N, C-alpha and C. Protein backbone atom coordinates (compact mmCIF):
# COMPACT_ATOMS: atom_id res chain seq x y z
N MET A 1 141.35 104.73 163.18
CA MET A 1 140.78 103.44 162.91
C MET A 1 142.12 102.45 163.12
N SER A 2 142.03 101.49 163.94
CA SER A 2 143.21 100.69 164.02
C SER A 2 143.17 99.63 162.75
N LYS A 3 144.71 98.93 162.64
CA LYS A 3 144.46 98.35 161.44
C LYS A 3 143.80 97.08 161.55
N GLU A 4 143.55 96.69 162.87
CA GLU A 4 142.64 95.43 162.96
C GLU A 4 141.15 95.77 162.48
N GLN A 5 140.58 97.09 163.17
CA GLN A 5 139.32 97.47 162.80
C GLN A 5 139.04 97.36 161.18
N GLU A 6 139.96 98.25 160.68
CA GLU A 6 140.17 98.23 159.11
C GLU A 6 140.03 97.29 158.30
N PHE A 7 140.96 96.04 159.09
CA PHE A 7 141.00 95.03 158.36
C PHE A 7 139.70 94.24 158.58
N LEU A 8 139.12 94.29 159.55
CA LEU A 8 137.63 93.64 159.56
C LEU A 8 136.64 94.30 159.13
N LYS A 9 136.75 95.46 158.86
CA LYS A 9 135.50 96.31 158.10
C LYS A 9 135.65 95.65 156.36
N GLU A 10 137.10 95.89 155.98
CA GLU A 10 137.13 95.50 154.50
C GLU A 10 136.68 93.88 154.55
N PHE A 11 137.42 93.07 155.55
CA PHE A 11 137.10 91.84 155.25
C PHE A 11 135.36 91.24 155.05
N GLU A 12 134.67 92.16 156.09
CA GLU A 12 133.14 92.01 156.02
C GLU A 12 132.66 92.38 154.82
N VAL A 13 132.87 93.49 154.06
CA VAL A 13 132.79 93.96 152.94
C VAL A 13 133.21 93.09 151.98
N TRP A 14 134.03 92.36 151.77
CA TRP A 14 134.71 91.25 150.94
C TRP A 14 133.53 90.16 150.98
N VAL A 15 133.21 89.54 152.35
CA VAL A 15 132.38 88.47 152.62
C VAL A 15 131.12 88.95 151.64
N ASN A 16 130.63 90.02 152.12
CA ASN A 16 129.55 90.17 151.68
C ASN A 16 129.22 90.38 150.20
N THR A 17 130.19 90.72 149.59
CA THR A 17 130.32 90.89 148.12
C THR A 17 130.34 89.39 147.75
N GLN A 18 131.20 88.39 148.28
CA GLN A 18 131.19 87.07 148.04
C GLN A 18 129.95 86.39 148.04
N VAL A 19 129.15 86.83 148.84
CA VAL A 19 127.67 86.06 148.89
C VAL A 19 126.90 86.64 148.04
N THR A 20 126.90 87.81 147.60
CA THR A 20 126.22 88.21 146.51
C THR A 20 127.00 87.61 144.89
N ILE A 21 128.15 87.46 144.98
CA ILE A 21 128.50 87.01 143.76
C ILE A 21 128.01 85.47 143.67
N ASN A 22 128.21 84.48 144.62
CA ASN A 22 127.78 83.30 144.77
C ASN A 22 126.25 83.07 144.67
N GLU A 23 125.47 84.00 145.13
CA GLU A 23 124.03 83.88 144.91
C GLU A 23 123.78 84.14 143.49
N MET A 24 124.35 85.10 142.87
CA MET A 24 124.14 85.30 141.14
C MET A 24 124.53 84.02 140.56
N ALA A 25 125.46 83.30 140.78
CA ALA A 25 126.21 82.27 140.00
C ALA A 25 125.50 80.96 140.28
N MET A 26 124.94 80.85 141.35
CA MET A 26 124.06 79.81 141.56
C MET A 26 122.73 79.92 140.85
N THR A 27 121.89 81.21 140.84
CA THR A 27 120.87 81.37 139.93
C THR A 27 121.28 81.05 138.34
N GLU A 28 122.44 81.79 138.14
CA GLU A 28 122.53 81.28 136.78
C GLU A 28 123.02 79.77 136.30
N SER A 29 123.71 79.16 137.03
CA SER A 29 124.06 77.87 137.01
C SER A 29 122.79 76.93 136.77
N ARG A 30 121.63 77.23 138.00
CA ARG A 30 120.54 76.43 137.76
C ARG A 30 119.65 77.12 136.54
N ARG A 31 119.64 78.32 135.90
CA ARG A 31 119.07 78.26 134.40
C ARG A 31 119.85 77.90 133.62
N VAL A 32 120.85 77.61 133.50
CA VAL A 32 121.39 76.88 132.24
C VAL A 32 121.31 75.25 132.63
N LEU A 33 121.19 74.86 133.79
CA LEU A 33 120.83 73.22 133.75
C LEU A 33 119.54 73.20 133.45
N GLU A 34 118.54 74.05 133.84
CA GLU A 34 117.21 73.70 133.45
C GLU A 34 116.82 74.05 132.03
N GLU A 35 117.56 74.99 131.41
CA GLU A 35 117.30 75.55 130.13
C GLU A 35 118.03 74.64 129.00
N GLU A 36 119.44 74.12 129.17
CA GLU A 36 120.06 73.76 128.57
C GLU A 36 120.47 72.19 128.89
N GLY A 37 120.21 72.02 130.11
CA GLY A 37 120.44 70.64 130.38
C GLY A 37 121.94 69.93 130.55
N ASP A 38 122.80 71.01 130.75
CA ASP A 38 124.33 71.04 130.77
C ASP A 38 124.67 70.45 132.37
N GLU A 39 124.86 69.07 132.41
CA GLU A 39 125.22 68.67 133.46
C GLU A 39 126.41 69.42 134.34
N ARG A 40 127.41 70.08 133.32
CA ARG A 40 128.42 70.68 134.32
C ARG A 40 127.68 71.95 135.04
N ALA A 41 126.70 72.49 134.55
CA ALA A 41 126.01 73.46 135.51
C ALA A 41 125.57 72.92 136.86
N ALA A 42 125.11 71.85 136.83
CA ALA A 42 124.97 71.10 138.19
C ALA A 42 126.02 70.95 139.12
N ASP A 43 127.15 70.43 138.60
CA ASP A 43 128.37 70.52 139.48
C ASP A 43 128.82 71.90 139.88
N ALA A 44 128.67 73.05 138.80
CA ALA A 44 128.81 74.48 139.03
C ALA A 44 127.85 74.75 140.46
N TYR A 45 126.59 74.40 139.97
CA TYR A 45 125.76 74.84 141.42
C TYR A 45 126.25 74.45 142.60
N ILE A 46 126.55 73.11 142.79
CA ILE A 46 126.85 72.63 144.04
C ILE A 46 128.36 73.42 144.57
N ARG A 47 129.15 73.76 143.78
CA ARG A 47 130.41 74.41 144.25
C ARG A 47 129.82 75.87 144.91
N TYR A 48 129.23 76.27 143.84
CA TYR A 48 128.70 77.72 144.49
C TYR A 48 127.96 77.79 145.52
N GLU A 49 126.94 76.68 145.84
CA GLU A 49 126.19 76.68 146.95
C GLU A 49 127.11 76.28 148.18
N SER A 50 128.13 75.63 147.97
CA SER A 50 129.08 75.36 149.13
C SER A 50 129.94 76.56 149.49
N LYS A 51 130.37 77.26 148.39
CA LYS A 51 131.09 78.26 148.86
C LYS A 51 130.00 79.42 149.75
N LEU A 52 128.79 79.57 149.31
CA LEU A 52 127.80 80.49 149.78
C LEU A 52 127.40 80.21 151.39
N ASP A 53 127.62 78.73 151.79
CA ASP A 53 127.54 78.09 152.99
C ASP A 53 128.53 78.91 153.87
N ALA A 54 129.74 78.72 153.32
CA ALA A 54 130.81 79.03 154.06
C ALA A 54 130.86 80.71 154.27
N TYR A 55 130.48 81.21 153.08
CA TYR A 55 130.49 82.83 153.54
C TYR A 55 129.28 83.28 154.20
N ARG A 56 128.12 82.57 154.07
CA ARG A 56 127.08 82.95 155.16
C ARG A 56 127.64 82.50 156.56
N PHE A 57 128.33 81.39 156.81
CA PHE A 57 129.04 81.07 158.10
C PHE A 57 129.74 82.18 158.55
N ILE A 58 130.58 82.69 157.67
CA ILE A 58 131.52 84.09 158.29
C ILE A 58 130.74 85.12 158.52
N GLN A 59 129.60 85.25 157.79
CA GLN A 59 128.48 86.54 158.07
C GLN A 59 128.30 86.45 159.34
N ALA A 60 127.74 85.08 159.76
CA ALA A 60 127.31 85.08 161.09
C ALA A 60 127.97 85.48 162.15
N LYS A 61 129.53 85.11 162.11
CA LYS A 61 130.36 85.13 163.07
C LYS A 61 130.72 86.78 163.09
N PHE A 62 130.50 87.66 161.98
CA PHE A 62 130.47 88.97 162.02
C PHE A 62 129.25 89.67 163.08
N ASP A 63 128.16 89.04 162.65
CA ASP A 63 126.84 89.53 163.45
C ASP A 63 127.06 88.96 164.89
N ASN A 64 127.58 87.92 165.48
CA ASN A 64 128.12 87.62 166.50
C ASN A 64 128.97 89.03 167.26
N PHE A 65 129.73 89.29 166.51
CA PHE A 65 130.88 90.10 166.82
C PHE A 65 130.36 91.54 167.18
N LYS A 66 129.30 91.71 166.21
CA LYS A 66 128.60 93.06 166.47
C LYS A 66 127.71 92.94 167.70
N ALA A 67 126.97 91.90 167.97
CA ALA A 67 126.14 91.66 169.16
C ALA A 67 126.99 91.58 170.40
N GLY A 68 128.02 91.42 170.22
CA GLY A 68 128.98 91.32 171.65
C GLY A 68 129.05 89.82 172.04
N LYS A 69 128.75 89.02 170.98
CA LYS A 69 128.76 87.51 171.53
C LYS A 69 130.28 86.82 171.21
N ALA A 70 130.58 85.75 171.78
CA ALA A 70 131.63 85.12 171.70
C ALA A 70 131.84 84.64 170.56
N PHE A 71 132.97 84.28 169.66
CA PHE A 71 133.15 83.49 168.26
C PHE A 71 132.18 82.34 168.35
N HIS A 72 132.21 81.36 169.31
CA HIS A 72 131.54 80.03 169.16
C HIS A 72 130.11 80.04 169.64
N ASP A 73 129.63 81.12 169.84
CA ASP A 73 128.28 81.35 170.27
C ASP A 73 127.38 81.06 169.05
N LEU A 74 126.14 80.49 169.09
CA LEU A 74 125.35 80.29 168.05
C LEU A 74 124.41 81.41 167.74
N PRO A 75 124.29 81.69 166.29
CA PRO A 75 123.43 82.65 165.92
C PRO A 75 122.18 83.02 166.59
N ASP A 76 121.38 83.81 166.94
CA ASP A 76 120.10 83.89 167.51
C ASP A 76 118.96 82.87 166.47
N GLY A 77 118.21 82.39 166.87
CA GLY A 77 117.14 81.72 166.11
C GLY A 77 117.87 80.69 165.36
N LEU A 78 118.78 80.10 165.72
CA LEU A 78 119.21 78.94 164.70
C LEU A 78 118.36 77.84 165.03
N PHE A 79 118.12 77.65 166.11
CA PHE A 79 117.30 76.21 166.24
C PHE A 79 115.81 76.30 165.67
N GLY A 80 115.31 75.35 165.21
CA GLY A 80 114.15 75.44 164.35
C GLY A 80 114.26 75.89 163.09
N GLN A 81 115.32 76.35 162.45
CA GLN A 81 115.26 76.67 161.19
C GLN A 81 115.90 75.84 160.31
N LYS A 82 115.10 75.66 159.25
CA LYS A 82 115.73 74.31 158.20
C LYS A 82 115.97 75.16 156.98
N TYR A 83 117.01 74.79 156.42
CA TYR A 83 117.32 75.47 154.86
C TYR A 83 117.47 74.36 153.88
N TYR A 84 116.91 74.40 152.89
CA TYR A 84 116.95 73.16 151.82
C TYR A 84 117.31 73.86 150.70
């Protein structure tokens, strides 16, 4: 395996780990906000959500790479989807 391939593999694993961590952190922030009313948790939730969006964007780029698409191609099924 070349250095580039090894780097991409390790980077993808790291990104996937970051997605998991930020999903858990968002859930916990929401719980703290709802149960304790701590407004700092609302700010934390927004930060984790922003990071999660960025990591999911990178995951979509890995999906494009695996599907043989160009870096700037849109992921399949992007149009018509709504995320709230």
